[in-house]
Structure formats: C-alpha cells, structure tokens
Amino acid sequence: TGNNVDTGQGYEGRDRERDLDIGYAVQSGVLKGLGIRLRNAMARSNYRSDIDENRLTLVYTWQLL
C-alpha cells in the first residue's frame, strides 16, 4: 500500500498491490523435474491504470552429468 504519492498533478496519489504465487514440483516418476507455478497480480491506483495479471509458468530441469 502506498499513500502520499506525489503525482505532480496537484493531488495525492494512493496505490495498492497484491501478488500471489503457488507452485509445485514433481518429485518422482516420468515427470520428475517438472515445476508448475501460477501467479496472480493485482495493482490498483487513483493516478495510473489498474493492472490484473495471471501467469502460468512451466519449468523443466534435468541433470547434465
């Protein structure tokens, strides 16, 4: 949360943001090394555009040697 933002437009700006992540990594089996992450972000403000964002990230790791 942010208050008293100097917007340069003659009024006090306010904003708030929330970010949530949830993830899981497969521990064994054929998909061992696969990671999945879901991210949700929300930002609200009275001096700029609001933002809503959802991301799905897949990561796969393997041992080279």
PDB file of N, CA and C in Angstrom:
ATOM      1  N   THR A   1       0.847  -1.178   0.000  1.00  0.00           N
ATOM      2  CA  THR A   1       0.000   0.000   0.000  1.00  0.00           C
ATOM      3  C   THR A   1       0.884   1.229   0.000  1.00  0.00           C
ATOM      4  N   GLY A   2       0.534   2.195  -0.814  1.00  0.00           N
ATOM      5  CA  GLY A   2       1.282   3.444  -0.860  1.00  0.00           C
ATOM      6  C   GLY A   2       0.348   4.632  -0.734  1.00  0.00           C
ATOM      7  N   ASN A   3       0.717   5.573   0.106  1.00  0.00           N
ATOM      8  CA  ASN A   3      -0.048   6.800   0.307  1.00  0.00           C
ATOM      9  C   ASN A   3       0.869   7.992   0.118  1.00  0.00           C
ATOM     10  N   ASN A   4       0.279   9.170  -0.053  1.00  0.00           N
ATOM     11  CA  ASN A   4       1.022  10.420  -0.177  1.00  0.00           C
ATOM     12  C   ASN A   4       1.953  10.420  -1.391  1.00  0.00           C
ATOM     13  N   VAL A   5       1.536   9.801  -2.469  1.00  0.00           N
ATOM     14  CA  VAL A   5       2.338   9.770  -3.688  1.00  0.00           C
ATOM     15  C   VAL A   5       2.239  11.136  -4.372  1.00  0.00           C
ATOM     16  N   ASP A   6       3.391  11.715  -4.692  1.00  0.00           N
ATOM     17  CA  ASP A   6       3.414  12.997  -5.399  1.00  0.00           C
ATOM     18  C   ASP A   6       3.202  12.717  -6.881  1.00  0.00           C
ATOM     19  N   THR A   7       1.989  12.964  -7.354  1.00  0.00           N
ATOM     20  CA  THR A   7       1.650  12.676  -8.746  1.00  0.00           C
ATOM     21  C   THR A   7       2.083  13.783  -9.694  1.00  0.00           C
ATOM     22  N   GLY A   8       2.402  14.972  -9.155  1.00  0.00           N
ATOM     23  CA  GLY A   8       2.767  16.099  -9.991  1.00  0.00           C
ATOM     24  C   GLY A   8       1.564  16.716 -10.689  1.00  0.00           C
ATOM     25  N   GLN A   9       0.367  16.257 -10.321  1.00  0.00           N
ATOM     26  CA  GLN A   9      -0.857  16.750 -10.951  1.00  0.00           C
ATOM     27  C   GLN A   9      -1.752  17.488  -9.960  1.00  0.00           C
ATOM     28  N   GLY A  10      -1.227  17.798  -8.777  1.00  0.00           N
ATOM     29  CA  GLY A  10      -1.964  18.598  -7.815  1.00  0.00           C
ATOM     30  C   GLY A  10      -2.853  17.826  -6.856  1.00  0.00           C
ATOM     31  N   TYR A  11      -2.728  16.515  -6.806  1.00  0.00           N
ATOM     32  CA  TYR A  11      -3.499  15.753  -5.823  1.00  0.00           C
ATOM     33  C   TYR A  11      -2.646  14.603  -5.301  1.00  0.00           C
ATOM     34  N   GLU A  12      -3.055  14.071  -4.155  1.00  0.00           N
ATOM     35  CA  GLU A  12      -2.313  12.997  -3.510  1.00  0.00           C
ATOM     36  C   GLU A  12      -2.673  11.658  -4.133  1.00  0.00           C
ATOM     37  N   GLY A  13      -1.674  10.898  -4.527  1.00  0.00           N
ATOM     38  CA  GLY A  13      -1.904   9.588  -5.119  1.00  0.00           C
ATOM     39  C   GLY A  13      -1.906   8.493  -4.066  1.00  0.00           C
ATOM     40  N   ARG A  14      -2.665   7.445  -4.356  1.00  0.00           N
ATOM     41  CA  ARG A  14      -2.707   6.259  -3.500  1.00  0.00           C
ATOM     42  C   ARG A  14      -2.667   5.039  -4.401  1.00  0.00           C
ATOM     43  N   ASP A  15      -1.992   3.972  -3.925  1.00  0.00           N
ATOM     44  CA  ASP A  15      -2.000   2.727  -4.678  1.00  0.00           C
ATOM     45  C   ASP A  15      -1.863   1.546  -3.741  1.00  0.00           C
ATOM     46  N   ARG A  16      -2.193   0.363  -4.262  1.00  0.00           N
ATOM     47  CA  ARG A  16      -2.042  -0.888  -3.509  1.00  0.00           C
ATOM     48  C   ARG A  16      -1.786  -2.005  -4.503  1.00  0.00           C
ATOM     49  N   GLU A  17      -1.112  -3.051  -4.022  1.00  0.00           N
ATOM     50  CA  GLU A  17      -0.747  -4.168  -4.893  1.00  0.00           C
ATOM     51  C   GLU A  17      -0.814  -5.462  -4.102  1.00  0.00           C
ATOM     52  N   ARG A  18      -1.207  -6.542  -4.790  1.00  0.00           N
ATOM     53  CA  ARG A  18      -1.229  -7.873  -4.196  1.00  0.00           C
ATOM     54  C   ARG A  18      -0.640  -8.837  -5.214  1.00  0.00           C
ATOM     55  N   ASP A  19       0.287  -9.671  -4.780  1.00  0.00           N
ATOM     56  CA  ASP A  19       0.908 -10.685  -5.631  1.00  0.00           C
ATOM     57  C   ASP A  19       0.815 -12.036  -4.929  1.00  0.00           C
ATOM     58  N   LEU A  20       0.287 -13.034  -5.624  1.00  0.00           N
ATOM     59  CA  LEU A  20       0.173 -14.377  -5.076  1.00  0.00           C
ATOM     60  C   LEU A  20       0.840 -15.364  -6.018  1.00  0.00           C
ATOM     61  N   ASP A  21       1.645 -16.258  -5.461  1.00  0.00           N
ATOM     62  CA  ASP A  21       2.288 -17.334  -6.221  1.00  0.00           C
ATOM     63  C   ASP A  21       1.947 -18.662  -5.560  1.00  0.00           C
ATOM     64  N   ILE A  22       1.689 -19.650  -6.385  1.00  0.00           N
ATOM     65  CA  ILE A  22       1.551 -21.011  -5.887  1.00  0.00           C
ATOM     66  C   ILE A  22       2.296 -21.909  -6.877  1.00  0.00           C
ATOM     67  N   GLY A  23       3.053 -22.845  -6.342  1.00  0.00           N
ATOM     68  CA  GLY A  23       3.850 -23.687  -7.223  1.00  0.00           C
ATOM     69  C   GLY A  23       3.949 -25.114  -6.728  1.00  0.00           C
ATOM     70  N   TYR A  24       4.312 -25.994  -7.641  1.00  0.00           N
ATOM     71  CA  TYR A  24       4.501 -27.400  -7.315  1.00  0.00           C
ATOM     72  C   TYR A  24       5.596 -27.965  -8.206  1.00  0.00           C
ATOM     73  N   ALA A  25       6.425 -28.835  -7.637  1.00  0.00           N
ATOM     74  CA  ALA A  25       7.469 -29.529  -8.393  1.00  0.00           C
ATOM     75  C   ALA A  25       7.247 -31.033  -8.248  1.00  0.00           C
ATOM     76  N   VAL A  26       7.214 -31.726  -9.383  1.00  0.00           N
ATOM     77  CA  VAL A  26       7.033 -33.182  -9.378  1.00  0.00           C
ATOM     78  C   VAL A  26       8.292 -33.813  -8.796  1.00  0.00           C
ATOM     79  N   GLN A  27       8.123 -34.681  -7.800  1.00  0.00           N
ATOM     80  CA  GLN A  27       9.245 -35.244  -7.057  1.00  0.00           C
ATOM     81  C   GLN A  27       9.786 -36.553  -7.619  1.00  0.00           C
ATOM     82  N   SER A  28       8.940 -37.317  -8.322  1.00  0.00           N
ATOM     83  CA  SER A  28       9.392 -38.614  -8.834  1.00  0.00           C
ATOM     84  C   SER A  28       8.555 -39.016 -10.045  1.00  0.00           C
ATOM     85  N   GLY A  29       8.979 -40.084 -10.683  1.00  0.00           N
ATOM     86  CA  GLY A  29       8.242 -40.599 -11.841  1.00  0.00           C
ATOM     87  C   GLY A  29       8.735 -40.010 -13.147  1.00  0.00           C
ATOM     88  N   VAL A  30       7.954 -40.210 -14.185  1.00  0.00           N
ATOM     89  CA  VAL A  30       8.313 -39.785 -15.535  1.00  0.00           C
ATOM     90  C   VAL A  30       8.474 -38.267 -15.626  1.00  0.00           C
ATOM     91  N   LEU A  31       7.677 -37.516 -14.899  1.00  0.00           N
ATOM     92  CA  LEU A  31       7.714 -36.047 -14.959  1.00  0.00           C
ATOM     93  C   LEU A  31       8.595 -35.416 -13.884  1.00  0.00           C
ATOM     94  N   LYS A  32       9.465 -36.207 -13.256  1.00  0.00           N
ATOM     95  CA  LYS A  32      10.357 -35.670 -12.242  1.00  0.00           C
ATOM     96  C   LYS A  32      11.173 -34.514 -12.832  1.00  0.00           C
ATOM     97  N   GLY A  33      11.224 -33.408 -12.106  1.00  0.00           N
ATOM     98  CA  GLY A  33      11.939 -32.237 -12.587  1.00  0.00           C
ATOM     99  C   GLY A  33      11.030 -31.175 -13.196  1.00  0.00           C
ATOM    100  N   LEU A  34       9.734 -31.495 -13.346  1.00  0.00           N
ATOM    101  CA  LEU A  34       8.779 -30.539 -13.896  1.00  0.00           C
ATOM    102  C   LEU A  34       8.231 -29.669 -12.769  1.00  0.00           C
ATOM    103  N   GLY A  35       8.301 -28.375 -12.954  1.00  0.00           N
ATOM    104  CA  GLY A  35       7.745 -27.432 -11.993  1.00  0.00           C
ATOM    105  C   GLY A  35       6.652 -26.598 -12.630  1.00  0.00           C
ATOM    106  N   ILE A  36       5.612 -26.344 -11.875  1.00  0.00           N
ATOM    107  CA  ILE A  36       4.482 -25.543 -12.350  1.00  0.00           C
ATOM    108  C   ILE A  36       4.258 -24.420 -11.342  1.00  0.00           C
ATOM    109  N   ARG A  37       4.091 -23.199 -11.853  1.00  0.00           N
ATOM    110  CA  ARG A  37       3.825 -22.059 -10.973  1.00  0.00           C
ATOM    111  C   ARG A  37       2.706 -21.212 -11.564  1.00  0.00           C
ATOM    112  N   LEU A  38       1.763 -20.833 -10.723  1.00  0.00           N
ATOM    113  CA  LEU A  38       0.673 -19.947 -11.105  1.00  0.00           C
ATOM    114  C   LEU A  38       0.836 -18.659 -10.312  1.00  0.00           C
ATOM    115  N   ARG A  39       0.824 -17.528 -11.011  1.00  0.00           N
ATOM    116  CA  ARG A  39       0.996 -16.225 -10.368  1.00  0.00           C
ATOM    117  C   ARG A  39      -0.189 -15.330 -10.714  1.00  0.00           C
ATOM    118  N   ASN A  40      -0.711 -14.655  -9.686  1.00  0.00           N
ATOM    119  CA  ASN A  40      -1.778 -13.674  -9.861  1.00  0.00           C
ATOM    120  C   ASN A  40      -1.298 -12.369  -9.251  1.00  0.00           C
ATOM    121  N   ALA A  41      -1.412 -11.289 -10.014  1.00  0.00           N
ATOM    122  CA  ALA A  41      -1.014  -9.966  -9.527  1.00  0.00           C
ATOM    123  C   ALA A  41      -2.144  -8.984  -9.788  1.00  0.00           C
ATOM    124  N   MET A  42      -2.351  -8.076  -8.829  1.00  0.00           N
ATOM    125  CA  MET A  42      -3.378  -7.058  -8.946  1.00  0.00           C
ATOM    126  C   MET A  42      -2.801  -5.759  -8.402  1.00  0.00           C
ATOM    127  N   ALA A  43      -2.947  -4.675  -9.151  1.00  0.00           N
ATOM    128  CA  ALA A  43      -2.496  -3.354  -8.698  1.00  0.00           C
ATOM    129  C   ALA A  43      -3.614  -2.354  -8.973  1.00  0.00           C
ATOM    130  N   ARG A  44      -3.938  -1.555  -7.973  1.00  0.00           N
ATOM    131  CA  ARG A  44      -4.970  -0.534  -8.084  1.00  0.00           C
ATOM    132  C   ARG A  44      -4.369   0.816  -7.706  1.00  0.00           C
ATOM    133  N   SER A  45      -4.804   1.854  -8.397  1.00  0.00           N
ATOM    134  CA  SER A  45      -4.251   3.183  -8.167  1.00  0.00           C
ATOM    135  C   SER A  45      -5.267   4.235  -8.581  1.00  0.00           C
ATOM    136  N   ASN A  46      -5.143   5.428  -7.984  1.00  0.00           N
ATOM    137  CA  ASN A  46      -6.014   6.526  -8.412  1.00  0.00           C
ATOM    138  C   ASN A  46      -5.281   7.492  -9.345  1.00  0.00           C
ATOM    139  N   TYR A  47      -4.048   7.157  -9.774  1.00  0.00           N
ATOM    140  CA  TYR A  47      -3.296   8.055 -10.665  1.00  0.00           C
ATOM    141  C   TYR A  47      -2.680   7.352 -11.867  1.00  0.00           C
ATOM    142  N   ARG A  48      -2.894   6.050 -12.028  1.00  0.00           N
ATOM    143  CA  ARG A  48      -2.415   5.319 -13.206  1.00  0.00           C
ATOM    144  C   ARG A  48      -3.373   4.182 -13.498  1.00  0.00           C
ATOM    145  N   SER A  49      -3.151   3.455 -14.563  1.00  0.00           N
ATOM    146  CA  SER A  49      -4.052   2.363 -14.963  1.00  0.00           C
ATOM    147  C   SER A  49      -3.960   1.193 -13.985  1.00  0.00           C
ATOM    148  N   ASP A  50      -5.097   0.554 -13.743  1.00  0.00           N
ATOM    149  CA  ASP A  50      -5.124  -0.650 -12.918  1.00  0.00           C
ATOM    150  C   ASP A  50      -4.534  -1.814 -13.705  1.00  0.00           C
ATOM    151  N   ILE A  51      -3.969  -2.771 -12.982  1.00  0.00           N
ATOM    152  CA  ILE A  51      -3.320  -3.918 -13.610  1.00  0.00           C
ATOM    153  C   ILE A  51      -3.868  -5.205 -12.993  1.00  0.00           C
ATOM    154  N   ASP A  52      -4.262  -6.159 -13.835  1.00  0.00           N
ATOM    155  CA  ASP A  52      -4.603  -7.517 -13.437  1.00  0.00           C
ATOM    156  C   ASP A  52      -3.789  -8.446 -14.319  1.00  0.00           C
ATOM    157  N   GLU A  53      -3.104  -9.406 -13.690  1.00  0.00           N
ATOM    158  CA  GLU A  53      -2.215 -10.270 -14.457  1.00  0.00           C
ATOM    159  C   GLU A  53      -2.253 -11.682 -13.904  1.00  0.00           C
ATOM    160  N   ASN A  54      -2.340 -12.664 -14.793  1.00  0.00           N
ATOM    161  CA  ASN A  54      -2.245 -14.076 -14.437  1.00  0.00           C
ATOM    162  C   ASN A  54      -1.176 -14.706 -15.318  1.00  0.00           C
ATOM    163  N   ARG A  55      -0.306 -15.498 -14.690  1.00  0.00           N
ATOM    164  CA  ARG A  55       0.759 -16.177 -15.442  1.00  0.00           C
ATOM    165  C   ARG A  55       0.824 -17.638 -15.034  1.00  0.00           C
ATOM    166  N   LEU A  56       1.055 -18.475 -16.012  1.00  0.00           N
ATOM    167  CA  LEU A  56       1.312 -19.890 -15.783  1.00  0.00           C
ATOM    168  C   LEU A  56       2.717 -20.165 -16.300  1.00  0.00           C
ATOM    169  N   THR A  57       3.587 -20.666 -15.426  1.00  0.00           N
ATOM    170  CA  THR A  57       4.976 -20.922 -15.786  1.00  0.00           C
ATOM    171  C   THR A  57       5.277 -22.405 -15.619  1.00  0.00           C
ATOM    172  N   LEU A  58       5.836 -23.011 -16.658  1.00  0.00           N
ATOM    173  CA  LEU A  58       6.281 -24.401 -16.609  1.00  0.00           C
ATOM    174  C   LEU A  58       7.802 -24.412 -16.711  1.00  0.00           C
ATOM    175  N   VAL A  59       8.450 -25.154 -15.830  1.00  0.00           N
ATOM    176  CA  VAL A  59       9.906 -25.237 -15.801  1.00  0.00           C
ATOM    177  C   VAL A  59      10.288 -26.713 -15.744  1.00  0.00           C
ATOM    178  N   TYR A  60      11.264 -27.088 -16.555  1.00  0.00           N
ATOM    179  CA  TYR A  60      11.763 -28.463 -16.501  1.00  0.00           C
ATOM    180  C   TYR A  60      13.274 -28.434 -16.312  1.00  0.00           C
ATOM    181  N   THR A  61      13.743 -29.155 -15.338  1.00  0.00           N
ATOM    182  CA  THR A  61      15.190 -29.228 -15.075  1.00  0.00           C
ATOM    183  C   THR A  61      15.653 -30.680 -15.222  1.00  0.00           C
ATOM    184  N   TRP A  62      16.887 -30.818 -15.665  1.00  0.00           N
ATOM    185  CA  TRP A  62      17.471 -32.141 -15.769  1.00  0.00           C
ATOM    186  C   TRP A  62      18.959 -32.059 -15.451  1.00  0.00           C
ATOM    187  N   GLN A  63      19.497 -33.182 -15.068  1.00  0.00           N
ATOM    188  CA  GLN A  63      20.903 -33.268 -14.710  1.00  0.00           C
ATOM    189  C   GLN A  63      21.723 -33.572 -15.961  1.00  0.00           C
ATOM    190  N   LEU A  64      22.753 -32.760 -16.207  1.00  0.00           N
ATOM    191  CA  LEU A  64      23.577 -32.944 -17.401  1.00  0.00           C
ATOM    192  C   LEU A  64      24.590 -34.063 -17.253  1.00  0.00           C
ATOM    193  N   LEU A  65      25.111 -34.268 -16.081  1.00  0.00           N
ATOM    194  CA  LEU A  65      26.124 -35.308 -15.881  1.00  0.00           C
ATOM    195  C   LEU A  65      25.643 -36.394 -14.981  1.00  0.00           C
TER     196      LEU A  65
END
